[in-house]
Amino acid sequence: MDILVMTRIQNQVLALFKAEISPCLDKHWKEIPLSLDYDLFDAPGDDLHEALDKYEKQFCIDLTGVKWSCYFPWENTPLFTRWFKVKREHIEQTRKPLTIKMFAESAQAGKWLYD
């Protein structure tokens, strides 16, 4: 694929996520700008769901087959386990990063590339 097309798609994907996801703040209360390497694990859930819906429509990428438990293992851990058996930090150590770059690369390919 042409470099200009790849860059254009990356910029479009990044712009979409910037428009939909509220910026996070660092420990000094400074805004953390979204970049291609931004881990969406920290994004507010409602913002992320809206961004993913728009991403699917804009880039015609089907995300129904994504194994979200790889990226958000705590949310996919049985309730009994969460209450009694393990700490969240232990489960979160197994998670894979979910970056905007992954969505940009998938948009370029025309399908979800990861899991």
PDB file of N, CA and C in Angstrom:
ATOM      1  N   MET A   1       0.849  -1.176   0.000  1.00  0.00           N
ATOM      2  CA  MET A   1       0.000   0.000   0.000  1.00  0.00           C
ATOM      3  C   MET A   1       0.895   1.241   0.000  1.00  0.00           C
ATOM      4  N   ASP A   2       0.472   2.243  -0.694  1.00  0.00           N
ATOM      5  CA  ASP A   2       1.224   3.483  -0.806  1.00  0.00           C
ATOM      6  C   ASP A   2       1.387   4.159   0.561  1.00  0.00           C
ATOM      7  N   ILE A   3       2.555   4.730   0.811  1.00  0.00           N
ATOM      8  CA  ILE A   3       2.857   5.384   2.100  1.00  0.00           C
ATOM      9  C   ILE A   3       1.871   6.516   2.391  1.00  0.00           C
ATOM     10  N   LEU A   4       1.524   7.296   1.368  1.00  0.00           N
ATOM     11  CA  LEU A   4       0.579   8.402   1.577  1.00  0.00           C
ATOM     12  C   LEU A   4      -0.794   7.902   1.994  1.00  0.00           C
ATOM     13  N   VAL A   5      -1.235   6.805   1.397  1.00  0.00           N
ATOM     14  CA  VAL A   5      -2.528   6.226   1.760  1.00  0.00           C
ATOM     15  C   VAL A   5      -2.484   5.717   3.196  1.00  0.00           C
ATOM     16  N   MET A   6      -1.375   5.051   3.559  1.00  0.00           N
ATOM     17  CA  MET A   6      -1.239   4.542   4.932  1.00  0.00           C
ATOM     18  C   MET A   6      -1.278   5.695   5.930  1.00  0.00           C
ATOM     19  N   THR A   7      -0.548   6.759   5.648  1.00  0.00           N
ATOM     20  CA  THR A   7      -0.514   7.906   6.547  1.00  0.00           C
ATOM     21  C   THR A   7      -1.892   8.556   6.646  1.00  0.00           C
ATOM     22  N   ARG A   8      -2.579   8.657   5.515  1.00  0.00           N
ATOM     23  CA  ARG A   8      -3.912   9.255   5.513  1.00  0.00           C
ATOM     24  C   ARG A   8      -4.868   8.434   6.381  1.00  0.00           C
ATOM     25  N   ILE A   9      -4.833   7.128   6.232  1.00  0.00           N
ATOM     26  CA  ILE A   9      -5.704   6.264   7.032  1.00  0.00           C
ATOM     27  C   ILE A   9      -5.342   6.371   8.516  1.00  0.00           C
ATOM     28  N   GLN A  10      -4.052   6.363   8.839  1.00  0.00           N
ATOM     29  CA  GLN A  10      -3.636   6.517  10.237  1.00  0.00           C
ATOM     30  C   GLN A  10      -4.158   7.832  10.808  1.00  0.00           C
ATOM     31  N   ASN A  11      -4.046   8.896  10.050  1.00  0.00           N
ATOM     32  CA  ASN A  11      -4.524  10.201  10.512  1.00  0.00           C
ATOM     33  C   ASN A  11      -6.037  10.210  10.700  1.00  0.00           C
ATOM     34  N   GLN A  12      -6.760   9.546   9.807  1.00  0.00           N
ATOM     35  CA  GLN A  12      -8.215   9.477   9.935  1.00  0.00           C
ATOM     36  C   GLN A  12      -8.618   8.694  11.184  1.00  0.00           C
ATOM     37  N   VAL A  13      -7.957   7.572  11.417  1.00  0.00           N
ATOM     38  CA  VAL A  13      -8.261   6.758  12.601  1.00  0.00           C
ATOM     39  C   VAL A  13      -7.921   7.537  13.871  1.00  0.00           C
ATOM     40  N   LEU A  14      -6.770   8.166  13.894  1.00  0.00           N
ATOM     41  CA  LEU A  14      -6.370   8.949  15.058  1.00  0.00           C
ATOM     42  C   LEU A  14      -7.344  10.094  15.294  1.00  0.00           C
ATOM     43  N   ALA A  15      -7.760  10.774  14.252  1.00  0.00           N
ATOM     44  CA  ALA A  15      -8.720  11.876  14.383  1.00  0.00           C
ATOM     45  C   ALA A  15     -10.050  11.376  14.940  1.00  0.00           C
ATOM     46  N   LEU A  16     -10.495  10.208  14.487  1.00  0.00           N
ATOM     47  CA  LEU A  16     -11.746   9.646  14.990  1.00  0.00           C
ATOM     48  C   LEU A  16     -11.657   9.395  16.492  1.00  0.00           C
ATOM     49  N   PHE A  17     -10.577   8.756  16.937  1.00  0.00           N
ATOM     50  CA  PHE A  17     -10.440   8.464  18.367  1.00  0.00           C
ATOM     51  C   PHE A  17     -10.252   9.745  19.180  1.00  0.00           C
ATOM     52  N   LYS A  18      -9.546  10.729  18.639  1.00  0.00           N
ATOM     53  CA  LYS A  18      -9.385  12.004  19.347  1.00  0.00           C
ATOM     54  C   LYS A  18     -10.726  12.700  19.525  1.00  0.00           C
ATOM     55  N   ALA A  19     -11.589  12.594  18.524  1.00  0.00           N
ATOM     56  CA  ALA A  19     -12.902  13.240  18.593  1.00  0.00           C
ATOM     57  C   ALA A  19     -13.832  12.544  19.584  1.00  0.00           C
ATOM     58  N   GLU A  20     -13.645  11.254  19.784  1.00  0.00           N
ATOM     59  CA  GLU A  20     -14.580  10.481  20.600  1.00  0.00           C
ATOM     60  C   GLU A  20     -14.129  10.226  22.031  1.00  0.00           C
ATOM     61  N   ILE A  21     -12.834  10.208  22.269  1.00  0.00           N
ATOM     62  CA  ILE A  21     -12.337   9.811  23.588  1.00  0.00           C
ATOM     63  C   ILE A  21     -11.861  11.028  24.373  1.00  0.00           C
ATOM     64  N   SER A  22     -12.402  11.168  25.557  1.00  0.00           N
ATOM     65  CA  SER A  22     -11.983  12.251  26.445  1.00  0.00           C
ATOM     66  C   SER A  22     -10.535  12.037  26.840  1.00  0.00           C
ATOM     67  N   PRO A  23      -9.738  13.086  26.808  1.00  0.00           N
ATOM     68  CA  PRO A  23      -8.326  12.913  27.169  1.00  0.00           C
ATOM     69  C   PRO A  23      -8.154  12.569  28.645  1.00  0.00           C
ATOM     70  N   CYS A  24      -7.143  11.770  28.928  1.00  0.00           N
ATOM     71  CA  CYS A  24      -6.800  11.431  30.307  1.00  0.00           C
ATOM     72  C   CYS A  24      -5.810  12.461  30.834  1.00  0.00           C
ATOM     73  N   LEU A  25      -5.682  12.500  32.146  1.00  0.00           N
ATOM     74  CA  LEU A  25      -4.746  13.418  32.778  1.00  0.00           C
ATOM     75  C   LEU A  25      -3.650  12.640  33.468  1.00  0.00           C
ATOM     76  N   ASP A  26      -2.436  13.190  33.448  1.00  0.00           N
ATOM     77  CA  ASP A  26      -1.340  12.542  34.150  1.00  0.00           C
ATOM     78  C   ASP A  26      -1.381  12.931  35.626  1.00  0.00           C
ATOM     79  N   LYS A  27      -0.393  12.509  36.398  1.00  0.00           N
ATOM     80  CA  LYS A  27      -0.407  12.776  37.839  1.00  0.00           C
ATOM     81  C   LYS A  27      -0.242  14.254  38.171  1.00  0.00           C
ATOM     82  N   HIS A  28       0.145  15.048  37.193  1.00  0.00           N
ATOM     83  CA  HIS A  28       0.289  16.496  37.389  1.00  0.00           C
ATOM     84  C   HIS A  28      -0.899  17.250  36.799  1.00  0.00           C
ATOM     85  N   TRP A  29      -1.964  16.534  36.469  1.00  0.00           N
ATOM     86  CA  TRP A  29      -3.200  17.078  35.933  1.00  0.00           C
ATOM     87  C   TRP A  29      -3.018  17.707  34.556  1.00  0.00           C
ATOM     88  N   LYS A  30      -2.026  17.205  33.812  1.00  0.00           N
ATOM     89  CA  LYS A  30      -1.821  17.667  32.442  1.00  0.00           C
ATOM     90  C   LYS A  30      -2.437  16.651  31.497  1.00  0.00           C
ATOM     91  N   GLU A  31      -3.039  17.155  30.452  1.00  0.00           N
ATOM     92  CA  GLU A  31      -3.698  16.301  29.480  1.00  0.00           C
ATOM     93  C   GLU A  31      -2.679  15.430  28.736  1.00  0.00           C
ATOM     94  N   ILE A  32      -2.996  14.151  28.622  1.00  0.00           N
ATOM     95  CA  ILE A  32      -2.162  13.225  27.861  1.00  0.00           C
ATOM     96  C   ILE A  32      -2.735  13.167  26.445  1.00  0.00           C
ATOM     97  N   PRO A  33      -1.998  13.680  25.472  1.00  0.00           N
ATOM     98  CA  PRO A  33      -2.535  13.679  24.103  1.00  0.00           C
ATOM     99  C   PRO A  33      -2.621  12.263  23.539  1.00  0.00           C
ATOM    100  N   LEU A  34      -3.670  12.014  22.796  1.00  0.00           N
ATOM    101  CA  LEU A  34      -3.807  10.715  22.156  1.00  0.00           C
ATOM    102  C   LEU A  34      -2.846  10.629  20.985  1.00  0.00           C
ATOM    103  N   SER A  35      -2.191   9.490  20.866  1.00  0.00           N
ATOM    104  CA  SER A  35      -1.291   9.208  19.751  1.00  0.00           C
ATOM    105  C   SER A  35      -1.581   7.788  19.279  1.00  0.00           C
ATOM    106  N   LEU A  36      -0.917   7.373  18.234  1.00  0.00           N
ATOM    107  CA  LEU A  36      -1.130   6.017  17.731  1.00  0.00           C
ATOM    108  C   LEU A  36      -0.771   4.959  18.766  1.00  0.00           C
ATOM    109  N   ASP A  37       0.157   5.254  19.665  1.00  0.00           N
ATOM    110  CA  ASP A  37       0.579   4.286  20.674  1.00  0.00           C
ATOM    111  C   ASP A  37      -0.247   4.353  21.962  1.00  0.00           C
ATOM    112  N   TYR A  38      -1.260   5.187  22.006  1.00  0.00           N
ATOM    113  CA  TYR A  38      -2.103   5.322  23.201  1.00  0.00           C
ATOM    114  C   TYR A  38      -2.824   4.006  23.474  1.00  0.00           C
ATOM    115  N   ASP A  39      -2.750   3.518  24.712  1.00  0.00           N
ATOM    116  CA  ASP A  39      -3.419   2.281  25.110  1.00  0.00           C
ATOM    117  C   ASP A  39      -4.854   2.610  25.499  1.00  0.00           C
ATOM    118  N   LEU A  40      -5.794   2.083  24.750  1.00  0.00           N
ATOM    119  CA  LEU A  40      -7.206   2.384  24.960  1.00  0.00           C
ATOM    120  C   LEU A  40      -7.778   1.756  26.226  1.00  0.00           C
ATOM    121  N   PHE A  41      -6.979   0.977  26.927  1.00  0.00           N
ATOM    122  CA  PHE A  41      -7.404   0.396  28.201  1.00  0.00           C
ATOM    123  C   PHE A  41      -7.806   1.501  29.178  1.00  0.00           C
ATOM    124  N   ASP A  42      -7.143   2.640  29.088  1.00  0.00           N
ATOM    125  CA  ASP A  42      -7.400   3.745  29.999  1.00  0.00           C
ATOM    126  C   ASP A  42      -8.549   4.649  29.554  1.00  0.00           C
ATOM    127  N   ALA A  43      -9.097   4.415  28.389  1.00  0.00           N
ATOM    128  CA  ALA A  43     -10.177   5.262  27.870  1.00  0.00           C
ATOM    129  C   ALA A  43     -11.465   4.987  28.626  1.00  0.00           C
ATOM    130  N   PRO A  44     -12.270   6.037  28.872  1.00  0.00           N
ATOM    131  CA  PRO A  44     -13.577   5.827  29.497  1.00  0.00           C
ATOM    132  C   PRO A  44     -14.431   4.886  28.642  1.00  0.00           C
ATOM    133  N   GLY A  45     -15.103   3.955  29.289  1.00  0.00           N
ATOM    134  CA  GLY A  45     -15.864   2.922  28.590  1.00  0.00           C
ATOM    135  C   GLY A  45     -16.882   3.431  27.596  1.00  0.00           C
ATOM    136  N   ASP A  46     -17.680   4.429  27.983  1.00  0.00           N
ATOM    137  CA  ASP A  46     -18.694   4.955  27.070  1.00  0.00           C
ATOM    138  C   ASP A  46     -18.052   5.597  25.855  1.00  0.00           C
ATOM    139  N   ASP A  47     -16.977   6.333  26.063  1.00  0.00           N
ATOM    140  CA  ASP A  47     -16.261   6.959  24.948  1.00  0.00           C
ATOM    141  C   ASP A  47     -15.717   5.898  24.004  1.00  0.00           C
ATOM    142  N   LEU A  48     -15.150   4.848  24.561  1.00  0.00           N
ATOM    143  CA  LEU A  48     -14.558   3.799  23.746  1.00  0.00           C
ATOM    144  C   LEU A  48     -15.625   3.085  22.923  1.00  0.00           C
ATOM    145  N   HIS A  49     -16.765   2.781  23.522  1.00  0.00           N
ATOM    146  CA  HIS A  49     -17.835   2.103  22.783  1.00  0.00           C
ATOM    147  C   HIS A  49     -18.309   2.960  21.617  1.00  0.00           C
ATOM    148  N   GLU A  50     -18.466   4.241  21.851  1.00  0.00           N
ATOM    149  CA  GLU A  50     -18.904   5.151  20.784  1.00  0.00           C
ATOM    150  C   GLU A  50     -17.857   5.218  19.678  1.00  0.00           C
ATOM    151  N   ALA A  51     -16.581   5.309  20.060  1.00  0.00           N
ATOM    152  CA  ALA A  51     -15.501   5.357  19.077  1.00  0.00           C
ATOM    153  C   ALA A  51     -15.454   4.077  18.244  1.00  0.00           C
ATOM    154  N   LEU A  52     -15.635   2.936  18.896  1.00  0.00           N
ATOM    155  CA  LEU A  52     -15.597   1.661  18.173  1.00  0.00           C
ATOM    156  C   LEU A  52     -16.764   1.531  17.202  1.00  0.00           C
ATOM    157  N   ASP A  53     -17.941   1.993  17.605  1.00  0.00           N
ATOM    158  CA  ASP A  53     -19.097   1.975  16.698  1.00  0.00           C
ATOM    159  C   ASP A  53     -18.822   2.821  15.454  1.00  0.00           C
ATOM    160  N   LYS A  54     -18.285   4.008  15.659  1.00  0.00           N
ATOM    161  CA  LYS A  54     -17.984   4.897  14.530  1.00  0.00           C
ATOM    162  C   LYS A  54     -16.857   4.330  13.674  1.00  0.00           C
ATOM    163  N   TYR A  55     -15.877   3.725  14.309  1.00  0.00           N
ATOM    164  CA  TYR A  55     -14.767   3.108  13.581  1.00  0.00           C
ATOM    165  C   TYR A  55     -15.290   2.013  12.646  1.00  0.00           C
ATOM    166  N   GLU A  56     -16.148   1.142  13.172  1.00  0.00           N
ATOM    167  CA  GLU A  56     -16.700   0.058  12.356  1.00  0.00           C
ATOM    168  C   GLU A  56     -17.425   0.599  11.128  1.00  0.00           C
ATOM    169  N   LYS A  57     -18.209   1.650  11.325  1.00  0.00           N
ATOM    170  CA  LYS A  57     -18.983   2.222  10.216  1.00  0.00           C
ATOM    171  C   LYS A  57     -18.082   2.947   9.220  1.00  0.00           C
ATOM    172  N   GLN A  58     -17.171   3.766   9.712  1.00  0.00           N
ATOM    173  CA  GLN A  58     -16.339   4.579   8.839  1.00  0.00           C
ATOM    174  C   GLN A  58     -15.361   3.746   8.019  1.00  0.00           C
ATOM    175  N   PHE A  59     -14.784   2.704   8.625  1.00  0.00           N
ATOM    176  CA  PHE A  59     -13.756   1.928   7.942  1.00  0.00           C
ATOM    177  C   PHE A  59     -14.221   0.540   7.501  1.00  0.00           C
ATOM    178  N   CYS A  60     -15.504   0.246   7.730  1.00  0.00           N
ATOM    179  CA  CYS A  60     -16.097  -1.045   7.326  1.00  0.00           C
ATOM    180  C   CYS A  60     -15.296  -2.231   7.870  1.00  0.00           C
ATOM    181  N   ILE A  61     -14.953  -2.146   9.151  1.00  0.00           N
ATOM    182  CA  ILE A  61     -14.227  -3.224   9.819  1.00  0.00           C
ATOM    183  C   ILE A  61     -15.175  -3.876  10.816  1.00  0.00           C
ATOM    184  N   ASP A  62     -15.344  -5.178  10.708  1.00  0.00           N
ATOM    185  CA  ASP A  62     -16.207  -5.924  11.619  1.00  0.00           C
ATOM    186  C   ASP A  62     -15.415  -6.287  12.874  1.00  0.00           C
ATOM    187  N   LEU A  63     -15.853  -5.768  14.009  1.00  0.00           N
ATOM    188  CA  LEU A  63     -15.164  -6.032  15.270  1.00  0.00           C
ATOM    189  C   LEU A  63     -15.869  -7.090  16.122  1.00  0.00           C
ATOM    190  N   THR A  64     -16.866  -7.758  15.568  1.00  0.00           N
ATOM    191  CA  THR A  64     -17.606  -8.736  16.376  1.00  0.00           C
ATOM    192  C   THR A  64     -16.759  -9.942  16.764  1.00  0.00           C
ATOM    193  N   GLY A  65     -15.720 -10.237  16.011  1.00  0.00           N
ATOM    194  CA  GLY A  65     -14.880 -11.387  16.318  1.00  0.00           C
ATOM    195  C   GLY A  65     -13.684 -11.070  17.206  1.00  0.00           C
ATOM    196  N   VAL A  66     -13.566  -9.814  17.645  1.00  0.00           N
ATOM    197  CA  VAL A  66     -12.427  -9.423  18.480  1.00  0.00           C
ATOM    198  C   VAL A  66     -12.540 -10.103  19.839  1.00  0.00           C
ATOM    199  N   LYS A  67     -11.449 -10.654  20.316  1.00  0.00           N
ATOM    200  CA  LYS A  67     -11.421 -11.288  21.635  1.00  0.00           C
ATOM    201  C   LYS A  67     -11.107 -10.216  22.677  1.00  0.00           C
ATOM    202  N   TRP A  68     -12.153  -9.505  23.105  1.00  0.00           N
ATOM    203  CA  TRP A  68     -11.981  -8.381  24.028  1.00  0.00           C
ATOM    204  C   TRP A  68     -11.376  -8.814  25.352  1.00  0.00           C
ATOM    205  N   SER A  69     -11.524 -10.079  25.708  1.00  0.00           N
ATOM    206  CA  SER A  69     -10.972 -10.555  26.976  1.00  0.00           C
ATOM    207  C   SER A  69      -9.438 -10.486  26.992  1.00  0.00           C
ATOM    208  N   CYS A  70      -8.817 -10.459  25.823  1.00  0.00           N
ATOM    209  CA  CYS A  70      -7.353 -10.298  25.764  1.00  0.00           C
ATOM    210  C   CYS A  70      -6.940  -8.904  26.226  1.00  0.00           C
ATOM    211  N   TYR A  71      -7.804  -7.929  25.987  1.00  0.00           N
ATOM    212  CA  TYR A  71      -7.478  -6.533  26.253  1.00  0.00           C
ATOM    213  C   TYR A  71      -8.110  -6.008  27.543  1.00  0.00           C
ATOM    214  N   PHE A  72      -9.205  -6.647  27.965  1.00  0.00           N
ATOM    215  CA  PHE A  72      -9.910  -6.254  29.180  1.00  0.00           C
ATOM    216  C   PHE A  72     -10.231  -7.499  30.008  1.00  0.00           C
ATOM    217  N   PRO A  73      -9.204  -8.188  30.505  1.00  0.00           N
ATOM    218  CA  PRO A  73      -9.447  -9.475  31.181  1.00  0.00           C
ATOM    219  C   PRO A  73     -10.267  -9.368  32.460  1.00  0.00           C
ATOM    220  N   TRP A  74     -10.146  -8.283  33.195  1.00  0.00           N
ATOM    221  CA  TRP A  74     -10.887  -8.161  34.448  1.00  0.00           C
ATOM    222  C   TRP A  74     -12.390  -8.177  34.203  1.00  0.00           C
ATOM    223  N   GLU A  75     -12.825  -7.469  33.160  1.00  0.00           N
ATOM    224  CA  GLU A  75     -14.247  -7.410  32.847  1.00  0.00           C
ATOM    225  C   GLU A  75     -14.788  -8.763  32.406  1.00  0.00           C
ATOM    226  N   ASN A  76     -13.908  -9.647  31.957  1.00  0.00           N
ATOM    227  CA  ASN A  76     -14.321 -10.962  31.475  1.00  0.00           C
ATOM    228  C   ASN A  76     -13.995 -12.085  32.449  1.00  0.00           C
ATOM    229  N   THR A  77     -13.633 -11.717  33.666  1.00  0.00           N
ATOM    230  CA  THR A  77     -13.363 -12.703  34.709  1.00  0.00           C
ATOM    231  C   THR A  77     -14.677 -12.999  35.433  1.00  0.00           C
ATOM    232  N   PRO A  78     -14.972 -14.258  35.709  1.00  0.00           N
ATOM    233  CA  PRO A  78     -16.208 -14.592  36.412  1.00  0.00           C
ATOM    234  C   PRO A  78     -16.344 -13.807  37.725  1.00  0.00           C
ATOM    235  N   LEU A  79     -17.558 -13.425  38.045  1.00  0.00           N
ATOM    236  CA  LEU A  79     -17.843 -12.614  39.222  1.00  0.00           C
ATOM    237  C   LEU A  79     -17.338 -13.276  40.507  1.00  0.00           C
ATOM    238  N   PHE A  80     -17.528 -14.574  40.641  1.00  0.00           N
ATOM    239  CA  PHE A  80     -17.080 -15.280  41.840  1.00  0.00           C
ATOM    240  C   PHE A  80     -15.569 -15.126  42.022  1.00  0.00           C
ATOM    241  N   THR A  81     -14.850 -15.264  40.928  1.00  0.00           N
ATOM    242  CA  THR A  81     -13.385 -15.128  40.979  1.00  0.00           C
ATOM    243  C   THR A  81     -13.006 -13.712  41.376  1.00  0.00           C
ATOM    244  N   ARG A  82     -13.697 -12.737  40.811  1.00  0.00           N
ATOM    245  CA  ARG A  82     -13.378 -11.340  41.136  1.00  0.00           C
ATOM    246  C   ARG A  82     -13.628 -11.047  42.620  1.00  0.00           C
ATOM    247  N   TRP A  83     -14.653 -11.632  43.181  1.00  0.00           N
ATOM    248  CA  TRP A  83     -14.981 -11.356  44.576  1.00  0.00           C
ATOM    249  C   TRP A  83     -14.029 -12.015  45.552  1.00  0.00           C
ATOM    250  N   PHE A  84     -13.635 -13.253  45.267  1.00  0.00           N
ATOM    251  CA  PHE A  84     -12.966 -14.034  46.298  1.00  0.00           C
ATOM    252  C   PHE A  84     -11.554 -14.533  46.001  1.00  0.00           C
ATOM    253  N   LYS A  85     -11.212 -14.732  44.762  1.00  0.00           N
ATOM    254  CA  LYS A  85     -10.006 -15.496  44.490  1.00  0.00           C
ATOM    255  C   LYS A  85      -8.769 -14.684  44.131  1.00  0.00           C
ATOM    256  N   VAL A  86      -8.897 -13.711  43.286  1.00  0.00           N
ATOM    257  CA  VAL A  86      -7.698 -13.024  42.801  1.00  0.00           C
ATOM    258  C   VAL A  86      -7.861 -11.515  42.839  1.00  0.00           C
ATOM    259  N   LYS A  87      -6.737 -10.869  42.822  1.00  0.00           N
ATOM    260  CA  LYS A  87      -6.747  -9.419  42.781  1.00  0.00           C
ATOM    261  C   LYS A  87      -6.749  -8.957  41.330  1.00  0.00           C
ATOM    262  N   ARG A  88      -7.336  -7.810  41.128  1.00  0.00           N
ATOM    263  CA  ARG A  88      -7.419  -7.249  39.782  1.00  0.00           C
ATOM    264  C   ARG A  88      -6.025  -7.079  39.167  1.00  0.00           C
ATOM    265  N   GLU A  89      -5.068  -6.633  39.954  1.00  0.00           N
ATOM    266  CA  GLU A  89      -3.726  -6.386  39.438  1.00  0.00           C
ATOM    267  C   GLU A  89      -3.116  -7.663  38.843  1.00  0.00           C
ATOM    268  N   HIS A  90      -3.393  -8.798  39.478  1.00  0.00           N
ATOM    269  CA  HIS A  90      -2.863 -10.065  38.989  1.00  0.00           C
ATOM    270  C   HIS A  90      -3.455 -10.404  37.617  1.00  0.00           C
ATOM    271  N   ILE A  91      -4.738 -10.214  37.464  1.00  0.00           N
ATOM    272  CA  ILE A  91      -5.397 -10.518  36.196  1.00  0.00           C
ATOM    273  C   ILE A  91      -4.964  -9.531  35.121  1.00  0.00           C
ATOM    274  N   GLU A  92      -4.855  -8.263  35.464  1.00  0.00           N
ATOM    275  CA  GLU A  92      -4.501  -7.243  34.481  1.00  0.00           C
ATOM    276  C   GLU A  92      -3.079  -7.426  33.951  1.00  0.00           C
ATOM    277  N   GLN A  93      -2.229  -8.127  34.668  1.00  0.00           N
ATOM    278  CA  GLN A  93      -0.862  -8.375  34.190  1.00  0.00           C
ATOM    279  C   GLN A  93      -0.849  -9.219  32.923  1.00  0.00           C
ATOM    280  N   THR A  94      -1.911  -9.966  32.684  1.00  0.00           N
ATOM    281  CA  THR A  94      -1.962 -10.849  31.521  1.00  0.00           C
ATOM    282  C   THR A  94      -2.528 -10.169  30.282  1.00  0.00           C
ATOM    283  N   ARG A  95      -2.999  -8.954  30.425  1.00  0.00           N
ATOM    284  CA  ARG A  95      -3.686  -8.321  29.304  1.00  0.00           C
ATOM    285  C   ARG A  95      -2.722  -7.832  28.228  1.00  0.00           C
ATOM    286  N   LYS A  96      -3.237  -7.809  26.998  1.00  0.00           N
ATOM    287  CA  LYS A  96      -2.489  -7.270  25.869  1.00  0.00           C
ATOM    288  C   LYS A  96      -2.842  -5.793  25.718  1.00  0.00           C
ATOM    289  N   PRO A  97      -1.909  -4.973  25.248  1.00  0.00           N
ATOM    290  CA  PRO A  97      -2.255  -3.571  24.995  1.00  0.00           C
ATOM    291  C   PRO A  97      -3.205  -3.466  23.795  1.00  0.00           C
ATOM    292  N   LEU A  98      -4.078  -2.487  23.836  1.00  0.00           N
ATOM    293  CA  LEU A  98      -5.013  -2.207  22.746  1.00  0.00           C
ATOM    294  C   LEU A  98      -4.778  -0.762  22.321  1.00  0.00           C
ATOM    295  N   THR A  99      -4.056  -0.576  21.237  1.00  0.00           N
ATOM    296  CA  THR A  99      -3.641   0.764  20.842  1.00  0.00           C
ATOM    297  C   THR A  99      -4.406   1.265  19.621  1.00  0.00           C
ATOM    298  N   ILE A 100      -4.392   2.560  19.450  1.00  0.00           N
ATOM    299  CA  ILE A 100      -5.009   3.173  18.277  1.00  0.00           C
ATOM    300  C   ILE A 100      -4.286   2.692  17.018  1.00  0.00           C
ATOM    301  N   LYS A 101      -3.001   2.453  17.123  1.00  0.00           N
ATOM    302  CA  LYS A 101      -2.225   1.966  15.981  1.00  0.00           C
ATOM    303  C   LYS A 101      -2.770   0.631  15.470  1.00  0.00           C
ATOM    304  N   MET A 102      -3.235  -0.215  16.374  1.00  0.00           N
ATOM    305  CA  MET A 102      -3.810  -1.491  15.969  1.00  0.00           C
ATOM    306  C   MET A 102      -5.048  -1.271  15.101  1.00  0.00           C
ATOM    307  N   PHE A 103      -5.839  -0.273  15.460  1.00  0.00           N
ATOM    308  CA  PHE A 103      -7.035   0.036  14.680  1.00  0.00           C
ATOM    309  C   PHE A 103      -6.659   0.657  13.331  1.00  0.00           C
ATOM    310  N   ALA A 104      -5.605   1.473  13.315  1.00  0.00           N
ATOM    311  CA  ALA A 104      -5.146   2.080  12.062  1.00  0.00           C
ATOM    312  C   ALA A 104      -4.618   1.003  11.110  1.00  0.00           C
ATOM    313  N   GLU A 105      -3.823   0.082  11.623  1.00  0.00           N
ATOM    314  CA  GLU A 105      -3.281  -0.988  10.787  1.00  0.00           C
ATOM    315  C   GLU A 105      -4.389  -1.903  10.269  1.00  0.00           C
ATOM    316  N   SER A 106      -5.383  -2.143  11.105  1.00  0.00           N
ATOM    317  CA  SER A 106      -6.515  -2.968  10.679  1.00  0.00           C
ATOM    318  C   SER A 106      -7.342  -2.246   9.617  1.00  0.00           C
ATOM    319  N   ALA A 107      -7.510  -0.937   9.760  1.00  0.00           N
ATOM    320  CA  ALA A 107      -8.237  -0.163   8.752  1.00  0.00           C
ATOM    321  C   ALA A 107      -7.506  -0.225   7.411  1.00  0.00           C
ATOM    322  N   GLN A 108      -6.186  -0.165   7.468  1.00  0.00           N
ATOM    323  CA  GLN A 108      -5.398  -0.252   6.234  1.00  0.00           C
ATOM    324  C   GLN A 108      -5.562  -1.615   5.580  1.00  0.00           C
ATOM    325  N   ALA A 109      -5.655  -2.661   6.390  1.00  0.00           N
ATOM    326  CA  ALA A 109      -5.784  -4.019   5.865  1.00  0.00           C
ATOM    327  C   ALA A 109      -7.218  -4.372   5.482  1.00  0.00           C
ATOM    328  N   GLY A 110      -8.187  -3.634   6.019  1.00  0.00           N
ATOM    329  CA  GLY A 110      -9.585  -3.917   5.718  1.00  0.00           C
ATOM    330  C   GLY A 110     -10.211  -4.976   6.601  1.00  0.00           C
ATOM    331  N   LYS A 111      -9.493  -5.378   7.659  1.00  0.00           N
ATOM    332  CA  LYS A 111     -10.027  -6.367   8.616  1.00  0.00           C
ATOM    333  C   LYS A 111      -9.235  -6.268   9.905  1.00  0.00           C
ATOM    334  N   TRP A 112      -9.785  -6.809  10.991  1.00  0.00           N
ATOM    335  CA  TRP A 112      -9.094  -6.814  12.273  1.00  0.00           C
ATOM    336  C   TRP A 112      -7.932  -7.791  12.205  1.00  0.00           C
ATOM    337  N   LEU A 113      -6.744  -7.340  12.560  1.00  0.00           N
ATOM    338  CA  LEU A 113      -5.526  -8.126  12.382  1.00  0.00           C
ATOM    339  C   LEU A 113      -5.009  -8.821  13.646  1.00  0.00           C
ATOM    340  N   TYR A 114      -5.610  -8.578  14.779  1.00  0.00           N
ATOM    341  CA  TYR A 114      -4.989  -8.997  16.046  1.00  0.00           C
ATOM    342  C   TYR A 114      -5.802 -10.047  16.781  1.00  0.00           C
ATOM    343  N   ASP A 115      -5.246 -10.526  17.889  1.00  0.00           N
ATOM    344  CA  ASP A 115      -5.778 -11.497  18.862  1.00  0.00           C
ATOM    345  C   ASP A 115      -4.953 -12.732  18.850  1.00  0.00           C
TER     346      ASP A 115
END
